[in-house]
Amino acid sequence: MWLHGTIFAGLLLILAGSRMGWLQKFEGMDARSFRLFWIAAFAGNLLGSGLTAKEYMEPDETFTKLAREEGKAYKQELSVEVDGSEVRTVRILVPGKEIYASEETDTEQDGNAFERSAERQIEDKVTLYNQEKNDPDYYYLPDQLDGKSYSWKSRKDSSGKTISGLFLAGGLLILVLGGREAGRKEQERQEKMLLEYPPVIMKFTLLIQAGMSIRRAFQKMASDYASEKKRGKGAPGKKRKTREKTSLAGEEILMVVHELESGVSEAEAYRHLGERCGGIRYRTFSTLLVQNLQKGGRSLGDILERESVDAWEERKQKARVMGETASTRLLFPMMLMLLIVMGVIMIPAFLSF
C-alpha cells in the first residue's frame, strides 16, 4: 500500500502547487490536460488501492500439496517464507498424472548449485522431494528441507498496482499530448499575430503622424475594428453569409482601450499589450510607447515609420518562406500523381506484349 500512498501524496502536492501558483513557471502547461491528468491518476490510484486493500484483507491461503491434473503439467507461482522471514517467489512445475513416474530433475545438468539462484535451488529441492514421494495424485510442498522451515502461500495479486501504474501513465500521456497541442496552438497564434502586425503598426503610425495622441490612436483603431467586426456579423434576422471577422491584434487593441477606460495607467496598459501578445515585434512596439510616455520627444512618428517598414519587409520574407514550405509539401502528392500516370501508361503497354 505504500506505493498508492506515495502516488496520492504526490498528486495532492502537485494539486496544491498548481493552486498556489508554483507550477506557473512550466510553460506550455495546458489547464485542461492537467485536470484530466489529475483525475485519471487519482481515479486509477483510488481503484488500484481498493483492489490492493481487498487482496491484503483476504487471509493467506497456505499450501502443503498441489493436485496433479490428468495428462498435463502446469505451473503454479507461490510465495515461500524461508525460516519465517525470507520471502521468495518460486514457480513450481506440477507434472501430470501420466508422467509422474518419468519425472526427472535437471539439477545436475545445470551445473554447480552455487551458481544457481536461490529460487531455482528451492524448486530443485521440491522436485527431488516429490521424486522420493512418488505420489501419482499430489505434488507435495515440504515444510522442512535441509534444516530450514518453509511456508508456502499464494502470491498476492498485483493488479491494483498495475491499474494504478496504467492510469498514471495514461494521465502523463494526456499531459504530454495536451502540452504539445497547447504549444502548437500558441505557435499558430504567434504566427497569426506576426502576420497582423504590419497593417496594425502602419495604421497606428499614420494616426500618430496625423497628430493624434497615443491614447486617441488606440481608441480610433479599436472603434474601427469594432465597427468592422459588427459588419462581419451581418444584419439581425438575416442568414449570415460570411463568418465573423476576428483579428487577434484587434482584440488586443480593444483590451488596451478597456484597460484605459477602467483606470489603468497608459504605461501599464501598453506594457500589458506587449506581455499578452508576445513576440519581439509587439514587445518592441509596447517598449517604444512606454519610453515615449516616460521621456517624451517628437520623433515617435519617425521611429514608428521605420518600425513599419521593417515589419513589412519581415512579412515579405515570411511569405517567401511559407511559399517554399507549401511547395515542399506539394512534392509528395505530385510524386504520387506521377506514379499513377506512369502506371496508367506502362501497365497497358506490358499487357499488350
Protein backbone atom coordinates (compact mmCIF):
# COMPACT_ATOMS: atom_id res chain seq x y z
CA MET A 1 0.00 0.00 0.00
CA TRP A 2 2.98 2.30 0.35
CA LEU A 3 3.05 2.76 -3.44
CA HIS A 4 -0.55 4.00 -3.52
CA GLY A 5 0.11 6.30 -0.58
CA THR A 6 3.14 7.77 -2.32
CA ILE A 7 1.12 8.40 -5.50
CA PHE A 8 -1.69 10.04 -3.51
CA ALA A 9 0.79 12.28 -1.69
CA GLY A 10 2.47 13.26 -4.96
CA LEU A 11 -0.86 14.08 -6.65
CA LEU A 12 -2.01 16.19 -3.70
CA LEU A 13 1.32 18.02 -3.69
CA ILE A 14 1.01 18.74 -7.43
CA LEU A 15 -2.58 19.94 -6.97
CA ALA A 16 -1.57 22.22 -4.09
CA GLY A 17 1.31 23.57 -6.16
CA SER A 18 -1.00 24.37 -9.06
CA ARG A 19 -3.47 26.12 -6.74
CA MET A 20 -0.74 28.21 -5.14
CA GLY A 21 0.89 29.10 -8.44
CA TRP A 22 4.06 27.05 -8.00
CA LEU A 23 3.63 25.40 -11.42
CA GLN A 24 3.19 28.58 -13.43
CA LYS A 25 6.84 28.52 -14.42
CA PHE A 26 6.23 25.42 -16.54
CA GLU A 27 5.41 26.94 -19.91
CA GLY A 28 3.02 25.07 -22.16
CA MET A 29 1.12 23.60 -19.17
CA ASP A 30 -2.40 23.17 -20.50
CA ALA A 31 -5.01 23.60 -17.74
CA ARG A 32 -7.50 21.16 -19.28
CA SER A 33 -4.85 18.48 -19.82
CA PHE A 34 -3.59 18.99 -16.28
CA ARG A 35 -7.10 18.44 -14.89
CA LEU A 36 -7.54 15.29 -16.99
CA PHE A 37 -4.14 14.01 -15.81
CA TRP A 38 -5.00 14.60 -12.17
CA ILE A 39 -8.45 13.00 -12.48
CA ALA A 40 -7.12 9.94 -14.36
CA ALA A 41 -4.21 9.42 -11.97
CA PHE A 42 -6.34 9.94 -8.85
CA ALA A 43 -9.20 7.70 -10.03
CA GLY A 44 -6.83 4.95 -11.20
CA ASN A 45 -4.86 5.04 -7.95
CA LEU A 46 -8.08 5.00 -5.92
CA LEU A 47 -9.31 1.94 -7.83
CA GLY A 48 -5.91 0.26 -7.56
CA SER A 49 -5.64 0.93 -3.83
CA GLY A 50 -9.11 -0.58 -3.35
CA LEU A 51 -8.09 -3.77 -5.15
CA THR A 52 -4.82 -3.94 -3.23
CA ALA A 53 -6.58 -3.41 0.11
CA LYS A 54 -9.11 -6.12 -0.75
CA GLU A 55 -6.31 -8.53 -1.60
CA TYR A 56 -4.43 -7.84 1.63
CA MET A 57 -7.58 -8.15 3.74
CA GLU A 58 -8.18 -11.67 2.48
CA PRO A 59 -6.44 -14.38 4.56
CA ASP A 60 -3.41 -16.01 3.01
CA GLU A 61 -4.05 -19.45 1.54
CA THR A 62 -1.41 -21.88 2.77
CA PHE A 63 -0.43 -24.88 0.64
CA THR A 64 1.06 -28.21 1.64
CA LYS A 65 0.42 -30.03 -1.63
CA LEU A 66 -0.87 -29.37 -5.15
CA ALA A 67 -3.16 -31.71 -7.08
CA ARG A 68 -1.86 -33.25 -10.28
CA GLU A 69 -4.04 -32.88 -13.37
CA GLU A 70 -4.86 -35.51 -15.94
CA GLY A 71 -2.24 -35.77 -18.66
CA LYS A 72 -0.74 -32.28 -18.47
CA ALA A 73 1.67 -30.29 -16.37
CA TYR A 74 1.06 -26.78 -15.11
CA LYS A 75 2.98 -24.09 -13.30
CA GLN A 76 1.94 -22.55 -10.01
CA GLU A 77 3.51 -19.34 -8.65
CA LEU A 78 3.83 -19.39 -4.90
CA SER A 79 5.31 -17.16 -2.23
CA VAL A 80 7.53 -19.09 0.16
CA GLU A 81 8.83 -17.95 3.53
CA VAL A 82 12.18 -19.45 4.49
CA ASP A 83 12.71 -19.67 8.27
CA GLY A 84 9.78 -17.30 8.80
CA SER A 85 11.38 -14.18 7.36
CA GLU A 86 12.98 -14.53 3.95
CA VAL A 87 10.22 -14.31 1.30
CA ARG A 88 10.82 -15.58 -2.22
CA THR A 89 8.66 -16.22 -5.25
CA VAL A 90 9.03 -19.60 -6.94
CA ARG A 91 7.37 -21.24 -9.92
CA ILE A 92 6.51 -24.84 -9.15
CA LEU A 93 6.08 -27.13 -12.16
CA VAL A 94 3.44 -29.72 -11.26
CA PRO A 95 3.69 -32.77 -13.60
CA GLY A 96 0.61 -34.55 -14.92
CA LYS A 97 -0.59 -37.88 -13.58
CA GLU A 98 0.62 -39.93 -16.54
CA ILE A 99 4.18 -38.61 -16.43
CA TYR A 100 4.82 -38.72 -12.70
CA ALA A 101 6.88 -41.86 -12.98
CA SER A 102 9.22 -40.42 -15.62
CA GLU A 103 9.68 -37.14 -13.80
CA GLU A 104 13.30 -36.03 -13.94
CA THR A 105 15.29 -33.27 -12.40
CA ASP A 106 17.84 -31.15 -14.19
CA THR A 107 19.74 -30.25 -11.06
CA GLU A 108 22.93 -31.96 -12.15
CA GLN A 109 22.59 -30.84 -15.77
CA ASP A 110 22.53 -27.17 -14.85
CA GLY A 111 25.94 -27.20 -13.21
CA ASN A 112 27.07 -26.13 -9.81
CA ALA A 113 24.24 -25.38 -7.35
CA PHE A 114 26.17 -22.38 -6.03
CA GLU A 115 25.89 -20.75 -9.43
CA ARG A 116 22.09 -21.07 -9.47
CA SER A 117 19.59 -18.66 -7.97
CA ALA A 118 18.11 -19.36 -4.56
CA GLU A 119 14.62 -19.66 -6.07
CA ARG A 120 15.78 -22.27 -8.57
CA GLN A 121 17.53 -24.23 -5.82
CA ILE A 122 14.24 -24.36 -3.88
CA GLU A 123 12.42 -25.60 -6.98
CA ASP A 124 15.02 -28.34 -7.47
CA LYS A 125 14.75 -29.44 -3.85
CA VAL A 126 10.97 -29.68 -4.16
CA THR A 127 11.38 -31.75 -7.32
CA LEU A 128 13.75 -34.17 -5.57
CA TYR A 129 11.41 -34.35 -2.59
CA ASN A 130 8.48 -35.36 -4.82
CA GLN A 131 10.59 -37.92 -6.68
CA GLU A 132 11.08 -39.62 -3.33
CA LYS A 133 7.35 -39.41 -2.53
CA ASN A 134 6.35 -40.71 -5.98
CA ASP A 135 2.67 -39.86 -5.43
CA PRO A 136 0.59 -40.02 -8.66
CA ASP A 137 -2.16 -37.75 -7.35
CA TYR A 138 -0.44 -34.93 -5.45
CA TYR A 139 2.66 -32.78 -5.69
CA TYR A 140 3.91 -32.09 -2.15
CA LEU A 141 5.34 -28.86 -0.76
CA PRO A 142 7.58 -29.76 2.19
CA ASP A 143 7.64 -27.63 5.34
CA GLN A 144 11.17 -28.75 6.26
CA LEU A 145 14.16 -29.01 3.90
CA ASP A 146 17.85 -29.13 4.82
CA GLY A 147 17.15 -27.90 8.32
CA LYS A 148 15.10 -24.88 7.15
CA SER A 149 11.38 -24.31 7.59
CA TYR A 150 9.25 -23.41 4.57
CA SER A 151 5.78 -21.87 4.47
CA TRP A 152 4.01 -21.97 1.08
CA LYS A 153 1.37 -19.33 0.34
CA SER A 154 -0.37 -17.99 -2.73
CA ARG A 155 1.14 -14.88 -4.27
CA LYS A 156 -0.53 -11.53 -3.65
CA ASP A 157 -2.38 -10.17 -6.65
CA SER A 158 -0.59 -7.11 -8.07
CA SER A 159 -3.44 -5.99 -10.32
CA GLY A 160 -4.08 -2.95 -8.10
CA LYS A 161 -0.56 -1.67 -8.60
CA THR A 162 -0.77 -2.42 -12.31
CA ILE A 163 -4.01 -0.45 -12.67
CA SER A 164 -2.54 2.48 -10.75
CA GLY A 165 0.54 2.45 -12.97
CA LEU A 166 -1.51 2.25 -16.17
CA PHE A 167 -3.79 5.13 -15.17
CA LEU A 168 -0.80 7.20 -14.08
CA ALA A 169 0.97 6.53 -17.38
CA GLY A 170 -2.23 7.39 -19.27
CA GLY A 171 -2.52 10.65 -17.34
CA LEU A 172 1.08 11.54 -18.13
CA LEU A 173 0.41 10.79 -21.81
CA ILE A 174 -2.61 13.09 -21.74
CA LEU A 175 -0.50 15.79 -20.10
CA VAL A 176 2.28 15.47 -22.69
CA LEU A 177 -0.12 15.45 -25.65
CA GLY A 178 -2.06 18.38 -24.18
CA GLY A 179 1.15 20.34 -23.71
CA ARG A 180 2.17 19.67 -27.30
CA GLU A 181 -1.28 20.73 -28.53
CA ALA A 182 -1.15 23.89 -26.42
CA GLY A 183 2.32 24.63 -27.79
CA ARG A 184 1.09 24.12 -31.36
CA LYS A 185 -1.86 26.46 -30.82
CA GLU A 186 0.41 29.06 -29.23
CA GLN A 187 2.78 28.83 -32.19
CA GLU A 188 -0.12 29.29 -34.62
CA ARG A 189 -1.32 32.27 -32.58
CA GLN A 190 2.14 33.84 -32.66
CA GLU A 191 2.38 33.35 -36.42
CA LYS A 192 -1.04 34.91 -36.96
CA MET A 193 -0.18 37.82 -34.66
CA LEU A 194 3.05 38.38 -36.58
CA LEU A 195 1.16 38.47 -39.90
CA GLU A 196 -1.30 41.02 -38.47
CA TYR A 197 1.44 43.27 -37.09
CA PRO A 198 2.46 45.19 -40.27
CA PRO A 199 -1.01 46.62 -41.08
CA VAL A 200 -1.59 47.43 -37.41
CA ILE A 201 1.71 49.30 -36.99
CA MET A 202 1.23 51.08 -40.34
CA LYS A 203 -2.25 52.34 -39.41
CA PHE A 204 -1.04 53.36 -35.95
CA THR A 205 1.88 55.24 -37.50
CA LEU A 206 -0.44 57.13 -39.87
CA LEU A 207 -2.69 58.16 -36.97
CA ILE A 208 0.29 59.36 -34.92
CA GLN A 209 1.71 61.29 -37.86
CA ALA A 210 -1.75 62.86 -38.39
CA GLY A 211 -1.45 64.45 -34.95
CA MET A 212 -3.33 62.04 -32.70
CA SER A 213 -2.06 61.10 -29.27
CA ILE A 214 -1.21 57.50 -28.48
CA ARG A 215 -4.36 57.08 -26.42
CA ARG A 216 -6.56 58.60 -29.12
CA ALA A 217 -4.93 56.44 -31.80
CA PHE A 218 -5.74 53.28 -29.84
CA GLN A 219 -9.33 54.43 -29.37
CA LYS A 220 -9.69 55.13 -33.10
CA MET A 221 -8.28 51.75 -34.09
CA ALA A 222 -10.48 49.98 -31.53
CA SER A 223 -13.55 51.81 -32.83
CA ASP A 224 -12.75 50.90 -36.45
CA TYR A 225 -12.16 47.27 -35.53
CA ALA A 226 -15.42 47.08 -33.54
CA SER A 227 -17.34 48.52 -36.49
CA GLU A 228 -15.70 46.08 -38.91
CA LYS A 229 -16.42 43.21 -36.57
CA LYS A 230 -20.04 44.26 -36.25
CA ARG A 231 -20.43 44.41 -40.04
CA GLY A 232 -18.96 40.92 -40.29
CA LYS A 233 -21.76 39.57 -38.08
CA GLY A 234 -24.40 40.64 -40.60
CA ALA A 235 -27.77 42.25 -40.03
CA PRO A 236 -30.02 40.70 -37.37
CA GLY A 237 -32.77 38.43 -38.67
CA LYS A 238 -30.87 37.51 -41.84
CA LYS A 239 -28.85 34.45 -42.60
CA ARG A 240 -25.18 35.26 -42.15
CA LYS A 241 -23.25 34.51 -45.32
CA THR A 242 -19.81 35.46 -44.04
CA ARG A 243 -18.01 34.48 -40.89
CA GLU A 244 -17.34 36.95 -38.15
CA LYS A 245 -14.08 38.75 -38.86
CA THR A 246 -11.90 38.33 -35.80
CA SER A 247 -8.40 39.72 -35.52
CA LEU A 248 -6.14 38.74 -32.65
CA ALA A 249 -4.35 42.08 -32.81
CA GLY A 250 -7.70 43.88 -32.94
CA GLU A 251 -8.89 42.07 -29.83
CA GLU A 252 -5.70 43.07 -28.01
CA ILE A 253 -6.24 46.70 -29.01
CA LEU A 254 -9.79 46.51 -27.65
CA MET A 255 -8.32 45.14 -24.42
CA VAL A 256 -5.94 48.11 -24.20
CA VAL A 257 -8.83 50.56 -24.60
CA HIS A 258 -10.88 48.72 -21.95
CA GLU A 259 -7.95 48.91 -19.53
CA LEU A 260 -7.53 52.64 -20.17
CA GLU A 261 -11.24 53.26 -19.63
CA SER A 262 -11.17 51.23 -16.39
CA GLY A 263 -8.47 53.46 -14.89
CA VAL A 264 -5.26 51.60 -15.71
CA SER A 265 -2.36 53.95 -16.46
CA GLU A 266 -1.22 54.25 -20.05
CA ALA A 267 2.25 52.86 -19.34
CA GLU A 268 0.81 49.76 -17.64
CA ALA A 269 -1.77 49.22 -20.40
CA TYR A 270 0.90 49.40 -23.13
CA ARG A 271 3.20 47.14 -21.15
CA HIS A 272 0.39 44.61 -20.74
CA LEU A 273 -0.14 44.71 -24.50
CA GLY A 274 3.41 43.53 -25.14
CA GLU A 275 3.16 40.83 -22.48
CA ARG A 276 -0.11 39.43 -23.80
CA CYS A 277 0.85 39.47 -27.46
CA GLY A 278 4.34 38.13 -27.01
CA GLY A 279 6.83 38.15 -29.83
CA ILE A 280 9.68 40.56 -30.38
CA ARG A 281 7.71 42.92 -32.60
CA TYR A 282 4.87 43.58 -30.17
CA ARG A 283 7.25 43.86 -27.23
CA THR A 284 9.31 46.38 -29.16
CA PHE A 285 6.14 48.32 -30.01
CA SER A 286 4.99 48.46 -26.38
CA THR A 287 8.50 49.48 -25.25
CA LEU A 288 8.54 52.37 -27.73
CA LEU A 289 5.19 53.59 -26.43
CA VAL A 290 6.23 53.35 -22.78
CA GLN A 291 9.54 55.13 -23.44
CA ASN A 292 7.73 57.91 -25.30
CA LEU A 293 5.43 58.42 -22.31
CA GLN A 294 8.33 58.49 -19.85
CA LYS A 295 10.87 60.54 -21.83
CA GLY A 296 8.68 62.36 -24.32
CA GLY A 297 10.01 63.51 -27.68
CA ARG A 298 8.63 64.34 -31.10
CA SER A 299 10.33 61.59 -33.07
CA LEU A 300 7.81 58.83 -32.25
CA GLY A 301 6.26 59.08 -35.71
CA ASP A 302 9.64 58.60 -37.44
CA ILE A 303 10.55 55.68 -35.18
CA LEU A 304 7.19 54.01 -35.82
CA GLU A 305 7.61 54.57 -39.56
CA ARG A 306 10.94 52.75 -39.54
CA GLU A 307 9.36 50.00 -37.46
CA SER A 308 6.54 49.75 -40.00
CA VAL A 309 8.98 49.41 -42.92
CA ASP A 310 10.93 46.70 -41.08
CA ALA A 311 7.70 44.87 -40.24
CA TRP A 312 6.59 44.83 -43.88
CA GLU A 313 9.98 43.53 -45.01
CA GLU A 314 9.83 40.78 -42.41
CA ARG A 315 6.34 39.87 -43.57
CA LYS A 316 7.52 39.60 -47.17
CA GLN A 317 10.35 37.32 -46.11
CA LYS A 318 7.90 35.25 -44.06
CA ALA A 319 5.62 34.95 -47.08
CA ARG A 320 8.52 33.64 -49.19
CA VAL A 321 9.36 31.05 -46.56
CA MET A 322 5.71 29.95 -46.34
CA GLY A 323 5.58 29.65 -50.13
CA GLU A 324 8.68 27.47 -50.19
CA THR A 325 7.24 25.31 -47.40
CA ALA A 326 3.98 24.89 -49.32
CA SER A 327 5.82 23.86 -52.48
CA THR A 328 7.83 21.31 -50.49
CA ARG A 329 4.65 19.83 -49.03
CA LEU A 330 3.17 19.52 -52.52
CA LEU A 331 6.16 17.49 -53.70
CA PHE A 332 4.94 14.20 -52.24
CA PRO A 333 1.40 14.40 -53.75
CA MET A 334 2.97 15.29 -57.09
CA MET A 335 5.19 12.21 -56.89
CA LEU A 336 2.15 10.05 -56.18
CA MET A 337 0.35 11.52 -59.18
CA LEU A 338 3.42 10.85 -61.32
CA LEU A 339 3.45 7.20 -60.22
CA ILE A 340 -0.24 6.87 -61.08
CA VAL A 341 0.30 8.37 -64.54
CA MET A 342 3.27 6.07 -65.15
CA GLY A 343 1.16 3.12 -64.07
CA VAL A 344 -1.67 4.09 -66.43
CA ILE A 345 0.82 4.27 -69.29
CA MET A 346 3.08 1.32 -68.50
CA ILE A 347 0.56 -1.33 -67.39
CA PRO A 348 -1.36 -1.44 -70.71
CA ALA A 349 1.98 -1.48 -72.56
CA PHE A 350 3.16 -4.52 -70.58
CA LEU A 351 -0.19 -6.28 -71.02
CA SER A 352 -0.02 -5.84 -74.80
CA PHE A 353 3.13 -7.98 -75.09
